[in-house]
């Protein structure tokens, strides 16, 4: 099966939504929301909008909310907004001016789970104190 690839060339300006593309390469200007397997923003590329992707490689400029398994920021990249990632590679020279959240898909404990965890810690400390007194 042929790979579904979208290319926004240098000098082109695209505004809208890109869908049904497994690979997107940006050398022009894009204002869009995308969901894709791989997104590459080349050195001449500028991207604004949300990204949901397995792999994002940035050599150009990005501003928006990104959710990606792997993010690779090249030396010429300029990034602002928010990045949620599992793996991040930041090359020397890359400019990162955004909120960065690692392992974004991990469950955060609910208030009930947090309270139960605190109670367990207190009980363990209490039992430890009692055993020290008995010994």
N, C-alpha and C. Protein backbone atom coordinates (compact mmCIF):
# COMPACT_ATOMS: atom_id res chain seq x y z
N UNK A 1 0.84 -1.18 0.00
CA UNK A 1 0.00 0.00 0.00
C UNK A 1 0.89 1.25 0.00
N UNK A 2 0.58 2.20 -0.82
CA UNK A 2 1.37 3.42 -0.94
C UNK A 2 1.20 4.30 0.30
N UNK A 3 2.31 4.94 0.71
CA UNK A 3 2.28 5.83 1.85
C UNK A 3 1.54 7.11 1.45
N UNK A 4 0.68 7.59 2.33
CA UNK A 4 -0.05 8.83 2.07
C UNK A 4 0.76 9.99 2.62
N UNK A 5 1.39 10.74 1.70
CA UNK A 5 2.28 11.82 2.09
C UNK A 5 1.76 13.16 1.59
N UNK A 6 1.84 14.17 2.47
CA UNK A 6 1.45 15.52 2.11
C UNK A 6 2.67 16.41 2.25
N UNK A 7 2.94 17.23 1.24
CA UNK A 7 4.07 18.16 1.28
C UNK A 7 3.56 19.58 1.06
N UNK A 8 3.96 20.48 1.96
CA UNK A 8 3.67 21.90 1.79
C UNK A 8 5.01 22.54 1.46
N UNK A 9 5.18 22.90 0.20
CA UNK A 9 6.47 23.40 -0.28
C UNK A 9 6.80 24.80 0.18
N UNK A 10 8.10 25.14 0.06
CA UNK A 10 8.57 26.48 0.40
C UNK A 10 7.80 27.50 -0.43
N UNK A 11 7.37 28.57 0.23
CA UNK A 11 6.61 29.61 -0.45
C UNK A 11 5.10 29.39 -0.40
N UNK A 12 4.66 28.17 -0.10
CA UNK A 12 3.23 27.88 -0.02
C UNK A 12 2.70 28.25 1.37
N UNK A 13 1.43 28.65 1.41
CA UNK A 13 0.76 28.96 2.68
C UNK A 13 -0.54 28.16 2.71
N UNK A 14 -0.67 27.31 3.74
CA UNK A 14 -1.85 26.46 3.87
C UNK A 14 -2.54 26.78 5.19
N UNK A 15 -3.85 26.94 5.13
CA UNK A 15 -4.64 27.18 6.34
C UNK A 15 -5.84 26.25 6.30
N UNK A 16 -6.03 25.46 7.36
CA UNK A 16 -7.16 24.53 7.39
C UNK A 16 -6.86 23.31 8.22
N UNK A 17 -7.34 22.16 7.76
CA UNK A 17 -7.15 20.90 8.47
C UNK A 17 -6.60 19.87 7.49
N UNK A 18 -5.54 19.17 7.91
CA UNK A 18 -4.97 18.11 7.09
C UNK A 18 -5.37 16.78 7.71
N UNK A 19 -5.99 15.92 6.90
CA UNK A 19 -6.39 14.61 7.42
C UNK A 19 -6.02 13.53 6.41
N UNK A 20 -5.95 12.30 6.91
CA UNK A 20 -5.71 11.12 6.07
C UNK A 20 -4.33 11.12 5.41
N UNK A 21 -3.35 11.72 6.09
CA UNK A 21 -1.97 11.70 5.59
C UNK A 21 -1.11 11.04 6.66
N UNK A 22 -0.35 10.03 6.28
CA UNK A 22 0.49 9.36 7.27
C UNK A 22 1.79 10.12 7.52
N UNK A 23 2.25 10.88 6.53
CA UNK A 23 3.47 11.66 6.65
C UNK A 23 3.22 13.05 6.09
N UNK A 24 3.64 14.06 6.85
CA UNK A 24 3.48 15.45 6.41
C UNK A 24 4.84 16.13 6.50
N UNK A 25 5.20 16.81 5.42
CA UNK A 25 6.46 17.56 5.38
C UNK A 25 6.13 19.01 5.09
N UNK A 26 6.63 19.91 5.95
CA UNK A 26 6.31 21.33 5.83
C UNK A 26 7.57 22.13 5.57
N UNK A 27 7.59 22.82 4.43
CA UNK A 27 8.67 23.76 4.12
C UNK A 27 8.12 25.17 3.97
N UNK A 28 6.79 25.28 3.88
CA UNK A 28 6.12 26.57 3.77
C UNK A 28 5.51 26.97 5.10
N UNK A 29 4.36 27.63 5.03
CA UNK A 29 3.66 28.10 6.23
C UNK A 29 2.35 27.34 6.35
N UNK A 30 2.12 26.75 7.52
CA UNK A 30 0.90 25.98 7.77
C UNK A 30 0.24 26.46 9.04
N UNK A 31 -1.06 26.72 8.96
CA UNK A 31 -1.91 27.00 10.11
C UNK A 31 -3.00 25.95 10.08
N UNK A 32 -2.81 24.89 10.88
CA UNK A 32 -3.73 23.76 10.79
C UNK A 32 -3.68 22.91 12.05
N UNK A 33 -4.65 22.03 12.16
CA UNK A 33 -4.66 20.98 13.17
C UNK A 33 -4.45 19.68 12.43
N UNK A 34 -3.49 18.87 12.88
CA UNK A 34 -3.19 17.63 12.17
C UNK A 34 -3.07 16.44 13.11
N UNK A 35 -3.40 15.28 12.59
CA UNK A 35 -3.17 13.99 13.25
C UNK A 35 -2.49 13.13 12.19
N UNK A 36 -1.27 12.68 12.49
CA UNK A 36 -0.48 11.96 11.50
C UNK A 36 0.54 11.04 12.19
N UNK A 37 1.13 10.17 11.42
CA UNK A 37 2.18 9.29 11.95
C UNK A 37 3.48 10.06 12.14
N UNK A 38 3.86 10.86 11.13
CA UNK A 38 5.12 11.60 11.17
C UNK A 38 4.92 12.99 10.57
N UNK A 39 5.43 13.99 11.28
CA UNK A 39 5.38 15.36 10.80
C UNK A 39 6.79 15.94 10.85
N UNK A 40 7.24 16.48 9.73
CA UNK A 40 8.55 17.13 9.66
C UNK A 40 8.35 18.59 9.30
N UNK A 41 8.89 19.48 10.12
CA UNK A 41 8.87 20.90 9.83
C UNK A 41 10.31 21.27 9.45
N UNK A 42 10.52 21.51 8.17
CA UNK A 42 11.86 21.81 7.68
C UNK A 42 12.31 23.20 8.12
N UNK A 43 13.58 23.51 7.91
CA UNK A 43 14.16 24.77 8.39
C UNK A 43 13.40 25.99 7.89
N UNK A 44 12.89 25.95 6.67
CA UNK A 44 12.14 27.09 6.14
C UNK A 44 10.66 27.05 6.53
N UNK A 45 10.24 25.98 7.19
CA UNK A 45 8.83 25.79 7.53
C UNK A 45 8.41 26.49 8.81
N UNK A 46 7.14 26.91 8.80
CA UNK A 46 6.51 27.51 9.98
C UNK A 46 5.17 26.82 10.15
N UNK A 47 4.92 26.33 11.37
CA UNK A 47 3.69 25.60 11.64
C UNK A 47 3.03 26.17 12.88
N UNK A 48 1.74 26.47 12.76
CA UNK A 48 0.94 26.93 13.89
C UNK A 48 -0.31 26.08 13.98
N UNK A 49 -0.60 25.54 15.17
CA UNK A 49 -1.78 24.71 15.35
C UNK A 49 -1.48 23.51 16.21
N UNK A 50 -2.46 22.61 16.30
CA UNK A 50 -2.25 21.42 17.13
C UNK A 50 -1.74 20.25 16.30
N UNK A 51 -0.88 19.45 16.95
CA UNK A 51 -0.30 18.28 16.31
C UNK A 51 -0.51 17.08 17.22
N UNK A 52 -1.02 15.99 16.65
CA UNK A 52 -1.07 14.68 17.31
C UNK A 52 -0.31 13.73 16.39
N UNK A 53 0.82 13.20 16.86
CA UNK A 53 1.66 12.40 15.98
C UNK A 53 2.53 11.43 16.77
N UNK A 54 2.98 10.38 16.09
CA UNK A 54 3.93 9.46 16.72
C UNK A 54 5.32 10.07 16.73
N UNK A 55 5.70 10.74 15.64
CA UNK A 55 7.02 11.35 15.52
C UNK A 55 6.90 12.75 14.93
N UNK A 56 7.54 13.71 15.61
CA UNK A 56 7.60 15.08 15.10
C UNK A 56 9.07 15.50 15.08
N UNK A 57 9.53 15.96 13.92
CA UNK A 57 10.90 16.46 13.76
C UNK A 57 10.78 17.93 13.37
N UNK A 58 11.40 18.81 14.18
CA UNK A 58 11.29 20.24 13.93
C UNK A 58 12.67 20.83 13.66
N UNK A 59 12.80 21.45 12.48
CA UNK A 59 13.98 22.22 12.13
C UNK A 59 13.62 23.69 11.96
N UNK A 60 12.34 23.96 11.77
CA UNK A 60 11.83 25.31 11.56
C UNK A 60 11.16 25.86 12.80
N UNK A 61 10.02 26.54 12.62
CA UNK A 61 9.30 27.18 13.72
C UNK A 61 7.98 26.49 13.98
N UNK A 62 7.66 26.33 15.27
CA UNK A 62 6.39 25.73 15.66
C UNK A 62 5.79 26.50 16.82
N UNK A 63 4.48 26.75 16.75
CA UNK A 63 3.74 27.37 17.85
C UNK A 63 2.39 26.70 17.94
N UNK A 64 2.14 26.03 19.08
CA UNK A 64 0.85 25.37 19.26
C UNK A 64 0.92 24.31 20.33
N UNK A 65 -0.06 23.43 20.32
CA UNK A 65 -0.12 22.32 21.28
C UNK A 65 0.20 21.02 20.56
N UNK A 66 1.27 20.36 21.02
CA UNK A 66 1.74 19.14 20.38
C UNK A 66 1.62 17.97 21.35
N UNK A 67 1.10 16.85 20.85
CA UNK A 67 1.06 15.59 21.59
C UNK A 67 1.75 14.56 20.69
N UNK A 68 2.91 14.06 21.13
CA UNK A 68 3.67 13.16 20.28
C UNK A 68 4.41 12.12 21.11
N UNK A 69 4.55 10.93 20.54
CA UNK A 69 5.36 9.90 21.21
C UNK A 69 6.82 10.34 21.25
N UNK A 70 7.36 10.75 20.11
CA UNK A 70 8.76 11.18 20.02
C UNK A 70 8.84 12.55 19.36
N UNK A 71 9.66 13.42 19.95
CA UNK A 71 9.88 14.76 19.41
C UNK A 71 11.38 14.96 19.27
N UNK A 72 11.81 15.42 18.10
CA UNK A 72 13.21 15.69 17.84
C UNK A 72 13.32 17.14 17.39
N UNK A 73 13.99 17.96 18.23
CA UNK A 73 14.17 19.37 17.92
C UNK A 73 15.60 19.59 17.44
N UNK A 74 15.72 19.95 16.18
CA UNK A 74 17.00 20.15 15.52
C UNK A 74 17.60 21.50 15.94
N UNK A 75 18.90 21.73 15.65
CA UNK A 75 19.57 22.96 16.09
C UNK A 75 18.90 24.26 15.64
N UNK A 76 18.24 24.27 14.49
CA UNK A 76 17.62 25.49 13.98
C UNK A 76 16.17 25.67 14.42
N UNK A 77 15.63 24.76 15.24
CA UNK A 77 14.21 24.81 15.61
C UNK A 77 13.92 25.92 16.61
N UNK A 78 12.70 26.45 16.50
CA UNK A 78 12.17 27.47 17.41
C UNK A 78 10.77 27.01 17.78
N UNK A 79 10.56 26.67 19.06
CA UNK A 79 9.30 26.06 19.48
C UNK A 79 8.68 26.85 20.63
N UNK A 80 7.37 27.12 20.51
CA UNK A 80 6.62 27.74 21.59
C UNK A 80 5.25 27.07 21.68
N UNK A 81 4.60 27.20 22.82
CA UNK A 81 3.30 26.57 23.03
C UNK A 81 3.39 25.52 24.11
N UNK A 82 2.97 24.29 23.81
CA UNK A 82 3.01 23.19 24.77
C UNK A 82 3.36 21.89 24.05
N UNK A 83 4.25 21.12 24.65
CA UNK A 83 4.62 19.81 24.10
C UNK A 83 4.36 18.75 25.15
N UNK A 84 3.60 17.73 24.78
CA UNK A 84 3.40 16.55 25.61
C UNK A 84 4.06 15.40 24.86
N UNK A 85 5.00 14.72 25.51
CA UNK A 85 5.80 13.74 24.80
C UNK A 85 6.17 12.56 25.69
N UNK A 86 6.62 11.49 25.04
CA UNK A 86 7.19 10.35 25.75
C UNK A 86 8.71 10.37 25.63
N UNK A 87 9.22 10.78 24.46
CA UNK A 87 10.65 10.85 24.20
C UNK A 87 10.97 12.18 23.53
N UNK A 88 11.98 12.89 24.07
CA UNK A 88 12.35 14.20 23.53
C UNK A 88 13.84 14.25 23.29
N UNK A 89 14.23 14.64 22.07
CA UNK A 89 15.64 14.88 21.76
C UNK A 89 15.77 16.34 21.40
N UNK A 90 16.61 17.04 22.14
CA UNK A 90 16.81 18.47 21.95
C UNK A 90 18.27 18.69 21.57
N UNK A 91 18.50 19.03 20.30
CA UNK A 91 19.87 19.27 19.83
C UNK A 91 20.34 20.65 20.27
N UNK A 92 21.67 20.78 20.46
CA UNK A 92 22.27 22.05 20.84
C UNK A 92 21.90 23.11 19.82
N UNK A 93 21.39 24.25 20.32
CA UNK A 93 20.99 25.35 19.45
C UNK A 93 19.49 25.47 19.31
N UNK A 94 18.76 24.42 19.61
CA UNK A 94 17.29 24.47 19.52
C UNK A 94 16.75 25.43 20.57
N UNK A 95 15.76 26.23 20.19
CA UNK A 95 15.14 27.17 21.12
C UNK A 95 13.79 26.63 21.55
N UNK A 96 13.63 26.45 22.85
CA UNK A 96 12.41 25.87 23.40
C UNK A 96 11.86 26.87 24.41
N UNK A 97 10.70 27.46 24.09
CA UNK A 97 10.07 28.44 24.96
C UNK A 97 8.62 28.04 25.12
N UNK A 98 8.41 26.94 25.88
CA UNK A 98 7.06 26.42 25.99
C UNK A 98 6.91 25.55 27.23
N UNK A 99 5.69 25.12 27.47
CA UNK A 99 5.42 24.18 28.55
C UNK A 99 5.72 22.78 28.02
N UNK A 100 6.50 22.02 28.79
CA UNK A 100 6.91 20.69 28.35
C UNK A 100 6.45 19.67 29.38
N UNK A 101 5.72 18.64 28.92
CA UNK A 101 5.17 17.62 29.82
C UNK A 101 5.62 16.25 29.33
N UNK A 102 6.38 15.54 30.18
CA UNK A 102 6.85 14.21 29.82
C UNK A 102 5.85 13.15 30.27
N UNK A 103 5.81 12.02 29.52
CA UNK A 103 4.95 10.88 29.85
C UNK A 103 3.51 11.32 30.10
N UNK A 104 2.98 12.10 29.21
CA UNK A 104 1.68 12.72 29.34
C UNK A 104 0.52 11.75 29.46
N UNK A 105 0.71 10.49 29.06
CA UNK A 105 -0.42 9.56 29.09
C UNK A 105 -0.48 8.72 30.36
N UNK A 106 0.46 8.93 31.29
CA UNK A 106 0.41 8.18 32.53
C UNK A 106 -0.78 8.65 33.35
N UNK A 107 -1.41 7.69 34.04
CA UNK A 107 -2.55 8.04 34.88
C UNK A 107 -2.08 8.86 36.07
N UNK A 108 -2.84 9.89 36.37
CA UNK A 108 -2.57 10.63 37.59
C UNK A 108 -3.56 10.10 38.63
N UNK A 109 -3.11 9.90 39.87
CA UNK A 109 -4.00 9.32 40.86
C UNK A 109 -5.16 10.25 41.15
N UNK A 110 -6.34 9.66 41.32
CA UNK A 110 -7.50 10.45 41.68
C UNK A 110 -7.38 10.83 43.14
N UNK A 111 -8.24 11.72 43.61
CA UNK A 111 -8.19 12.14 45.01
C UNK A 111 -8.39 10.95 45.94
N UNK A 112 -9.27 10.02 45.58
CA UNK A 112 -9.51 8.85 46.41
C UNK A 112 -8.27 7.98 46.49
N UNK A 113 -7.61 7.74 45.34
CA UNK A 113 -6.40 6.93 45.33
C UNK A 113 -5.28 7.62 46.11
N UNK A 114 -5.17 8.94 45.99
CA UNK A 114 -4.14 9.68 46.70
C UNK A 114 -4.38 9.60 48.20
N UNK A 115 -5.64 9.72 48.61
CA UNK A 115 -5.97 9.63 50.04
C UNK A 115 -5.65 8.25 50.57
N UNK A 116 -6.00 7.21 49.82
CA UNK A 116 -5.72 5.84 50.24
C UNK A 116 -4.22 5.61 50.34
N UNK A 117 -3.48 6.18 49.40
CA UNK A 117 -2.02 6.05 49.42
C UNK A 117 -1.43 6.73 50.65
N UNK A 118 -1.92 7.92 50.98
CA UNK A 118 -1.45 8.63 52.16
C UNK A 118 -1.78 7.86 53.43
N UNK A 119 -3.01 7.29 53.48
CA UNK A 119 -3.41 6.50 54.65
C UNK A 119 -2.50 5.28 54.80
N UNK A 120 -2.14 4.64 53.70
CA UNK A 120 -1.26 3.47 53.75
C UNK A 120 0.12 3.86 54.27
N UNK A 121 0.62 5.03 53.85
CA UNK A 121 1.92 5.50 54.32
C UNK A 121 1.88 5.77 55.82
N UNK A 122 0.79 6.39 56.29
CA UNK A 122 0.64 6.69 57.71
C UNK A 122 0.57 5.40 58.51
N UNK A 123 -0.21 4.43 58.01
CA UNK A 123 -0.34 3.14 58.69
C UNK A 123 1.00 2.43 58.76
N UNK A 124 1.77 2.47 57.67
CA UNK A 124 3.08 1.81 57.64
C UNK A 124 4.02 2.46 58.64
N UNK A 125 3.97 3.79 58.72
CA UNK A 125 4.81 4.51 59.67
C UNK A 125 4.39 4.18 61.09
N UNK A 126 3.08 4.11 61.31
CA UNK A 126 2.54 3.79 62.62
C UNK A 126 2.98 2.38 63.05
N UNK A 127 2.87 1.41 62.14
CA UNK A 127 3.29 0.04 62.43
C UNK A 127 4.79 -0.02 62.71
N UNK A 128 5.55 0.76 61.97
CA UNK A 128 7.00 0.78 62.18
C UNK A 128 7.32 1.31 63.56
N UNK A 129 6.60 2.39 63.95
CA UNK A 129 6.82 2.98 65.27
C UNK A 129 6.47 1.97 66.36
N UNK A 130 5.35 1.22 66.19
CA UNK A 130 4.92 0.24 67.18
C UNK A 130 5.95 -0.88 67.29
N UNK A 131 6.50 -1.34 66.17
CA UNK A 131 7.46 -2.42 66.22
C UNK A 131 8.75 -1.99 66.90
N UNK A 132 9.10 -0.72 66.72
CA UNK A 132 10.30 -0.22 67.38
C UNK A 132 10.11 -0.15 68.89
N UNK A 133 8.90 0.20 69.33
CA UNK A 133 8.61 0.29 70.73
C UNK A 133 8.65 -1.09 71.38
N UNK A 134 8.12 -2.12 70.68
CA UNK A 134 8.06 -3.49 71.21
C UNK A 134 9.45 -4.11 71.29
N UNK A 135 10.34 -3.75 70.40
CA UNK A 135 11.67 -4.37 70.35
C UNK A 135 12.52 -3.89 71.40
